[in-house]
Amino acid sequence: MAGATSNDGSERQRVDKWLFFARVVRSRSLAAKLVSGGSVRSNRDKIDQPSHGVKPGDVLTITLDRRILVYRVLSGGTRRGPAEEARTLYEDISPPLPPKGDTSSLDGLPKRDAGSGRPTKRDRRQVDRLMLGEDEDS
């Protein structure tokens, strides 16, 4: 057949279709906007065309609102199926999220002594009394 192509996962597939089939985004038009906006990288190279082809073995880095996803493409999809089917299209190699109470990423930042920040209302009143020369006994 002249126009038919077998989609056994060994050939390239448009990145916007793949993102839609892998359930990264809700619609193919949103996938195209994500790619056009520069939020998708393929093998560390920024891509801006939704027609860019991905094949098994490619690593996609996807920047979403509050997280970064790193997926290794395992195969191309044929349809947008259930989530279990979508998970067979990729291997998630994203870095693990730090625990909620973990502050180790803030270790390099300078620390401020307690109370050395912005003065409180009480502190301001004491400074005003001092500057105006009022007695503290009144």
Protein backbone atom coordinates (compact mmCIF):
# COMPACT_ATOMS: atom_id res chain seq x y z
CA MET A 1 0.00 0.00 0.00
CA ALA A 2 1.47 3.29 -1.06
CA GLY A 3 0.22 5.67 1.64
CA ALA A 4 0.05 3.30 4.60
CA THR A 5 2.78 3.13 7.19
CA SER A 6 3.16 0.53 9.87
CA ASN A 7 3.38 2.04 13.31
CA ASP A 8 5.29 -0.66 15.15
CA GLY A 9 7.28 1.91 17.15
CA SER A 10 10.42 1.71 15.00
CA GLU A 11 9.77 4.85 12.97
CA ARG A 12 9.44 8.51 13.78
CA GLN A 13 6.26 10.09 15.07
CA ARG A 14 5.35 13.76 15.41
CA VAL A 15 6.20 15.03 18.88
CA ASP A 16 2.80 16.70 19.36
CA LYS A 17 1.03 13.42 18.58
CA TRP A 18 3.35 11.51 20.90
CA LEU A 19 2.76 13.95 23.79
CA PHE A 20 -0.99 13.60 23.26
CA PHE A 21 -0.87 9.79 23.08
CA ALA A 22 1.38 9.62 26.18
CA ARG A 23 -1.17 11.75 28.08
CA VAL A 24 1.28 14.53 28.91
CA VAL A 25 -1.32 17.08 27.74
CA ARG A 26 -5.08 16.95 27.26
CA SER A 27 -5.26 17.81 23.58
CA ARG A 28 -3.07 17.73 20.53
CA SER A 29 -3.42 21.50 20.06
CA LEU A 30 -2.11 22.02 23.61
CA ALA A 31 0.78 19.70 22.77
CA ALA A 32 1.55 21.82 19.70
CA LYS A 33 1.47 25.00 21.80
CA LEU A 34 3.77 23.41 24.38
CA VAL A 35 6.30 22.51 21.69
CA SER A 36 5.99 25.86 19.89
CA GLY A 37 6.49 27.67 23.18
CA GLY A 38 9.90 26.08 23.64
CA SER A 39 8.93 23.89 26.60
CA VAL A 40 10.09 20.62 25.02
CA ARG A 41 13.63 19.43 24.34
CA SER A 42 14.60 16.34 22.41
CA ASN A 43 17.98 14.86 23.32
CA ARG A 44 18.93 18.18 24.97
CA ASP A 45 18.15 20.15 21.78
CA LYS A 46 15.36 22.70 21.98
CA ILE A 47 12.62 21.99 19.47
CA ASP A 48 10.01 24.47 18.35
CA GLN A 49 8.21 22.59 15.58
CA PRO A 50 5.30 20.31 16.54
CA SER A 51 6.17 18.26 13.45
CA HIS A 52 9.58 17.29 14.87
CA GLY A 53 9.90 13.51 14.80
CA VAL A 54 10.65 11.39 17.85
CA LYS A 55 11.72 7.76 17.79
CA PRO A 56 12.35 5.08 20.39
CA GLY A 57 15.45 5.92 22.42
CA ASP A 58 14.97 9.71 22.28
CA VAL A 59 14.92 11.56 25.61
CA LEU A 60 12.29 14.29 25.93
CA THR A 61 12.56 16.99 28.59
CA ILE A 62 9.18 18.64 29.11
CA THR A 63 8.77 21.77 31.20
CA LEU A 64 5.29 22.09 32.67
CA ASP A 65 3.93 24.64 35.14
CA ARG A 66 5.37 23.32 38.39
CA ARG A 67 7.49 20.37 37.31
CA ILE A 68 9.96 19.06 34.80
CA LEU A 69 9.38 15.68 33.19
CA VAL A 70 12.15 13.63 31.60
CA TYR A 71 10.87 10.75 29.48
CA ARG A 72 12.73 8.19 27.37
CA VAL A 73 10.57 7.27 24.37
CA LEU A 74 10.03 3.51 24.24
CA SER A 75 7.61 3.40 21.32
CA GLY A 76 5.26 5.49 19.23
CA GLY A 77 1.55 5.37 19.91
CA THR A 78 -1.32 4.50 17.63
CA ARG A 79 -4.11 6.08 19.69
CA ARG A 80 -4.80 7.92 22.90
CA GLY A 81 -5.78 5.02 25.09
CA PRO A 82 -6.09 4.54 28.85
CA ALA A 83 -3.33 5.66 31.20
CA GLU A 84 -1.95 2.12 31.51
CA GLU A 85 -1.48 1.99 27.76
CA ALA A 86 0.06 5.48 27.71
CA ARG A 87 2.67 4.46 30.32
CA THR A 88 4.00 1.81 27.94
CA LEU A 89 5.12 4.54 25.52
CA TYR A 90 7.81 5.98 27.80
CA GLU A 91 10.15 5.38 30.71
CA ASP A 92 10.04 8.11 33.34
CA ILE A 93 13.61 9.15 34.18
CA SER A 94 12.66 12.41 35.89
CA PRO A 95 14.68 13.38 38.96
CA PRO A 96 12.79 12.55 42.16
CA LEU A 97 10.96 15.38 43.88
CA PRO A 98 12.49 16.48 47.20
CA PRO A 99 10.42 15.69 50.30
CA LYS A 100 8.12 18.51 51.39
CA GLY A 101 9.97 19.26 54.65
CA ASP A 102 13.42 19.04 53.04
CA THR A 103 15.34 22.35 53.16
CA SER A 104 18.66 20.98 51.92
CA SER A 105 18.33 23.04 48.72
CA LEU A 106 18.43 26.18 50.90
CA ASP A 107 21.69 25.25 52.62
CA GLY A 108 23.80 27.53 50.41
CA LEU A 109 21.69 30.61 51.14
CA PRO A 110 22.73 33.04 53.88
CA LYS A 111 20.74 32.76 57.08
CA ARG A 112 19.33 35.70 59.01
CA ASP A 113 19.28 35.91 62.79
CA ALA A 114 15.83 35.74 64.33
CA GLY A 115 14.40 39.22 64.81
CA SER A 116 16.92 40.90 62.53
CA GLY A 117 14.45 41.42 59.69
CA ARG A 118 11.86 44.11 59.30
CA PRO A 119 11.07 45.87 62.60
CA THR A 120 7.79 45.07 64.29
CA LYS A 121 5.21 47.69 65.18
CA ARG A 122 6.40 47.58 68.78
CA ASP A 123 10.02 48.16 67.68
CA ARG A 124 8.96 51.12 65.56
CA ARG A 125 7.11 52.73 68.46
CA GLN A 126 10.16 52.32 70.70
CA VAL A 127 12.36 53.99 68.06
CA ASP A 128 9.83 56.82 67.69
CA ARG A 129 9.83 57.40 71.46
CA LEU A 130 13.62 57.40 71.52
CA MET A 131 13.87 59.86 68.60
CA LEU A 132 11.28 62.25 70.07
CA GLY A 133 12.93 62.12 73.47
CA GLU A 134 9.91 60.88 75.36
CA ASP A 135 10.42 59.16 78.66
CA GLU A 136 9.72 55.46 78.77
CA ASP A 137 8.01 55.78 82.17
CA SER A 138 5.05 57.72 80.78
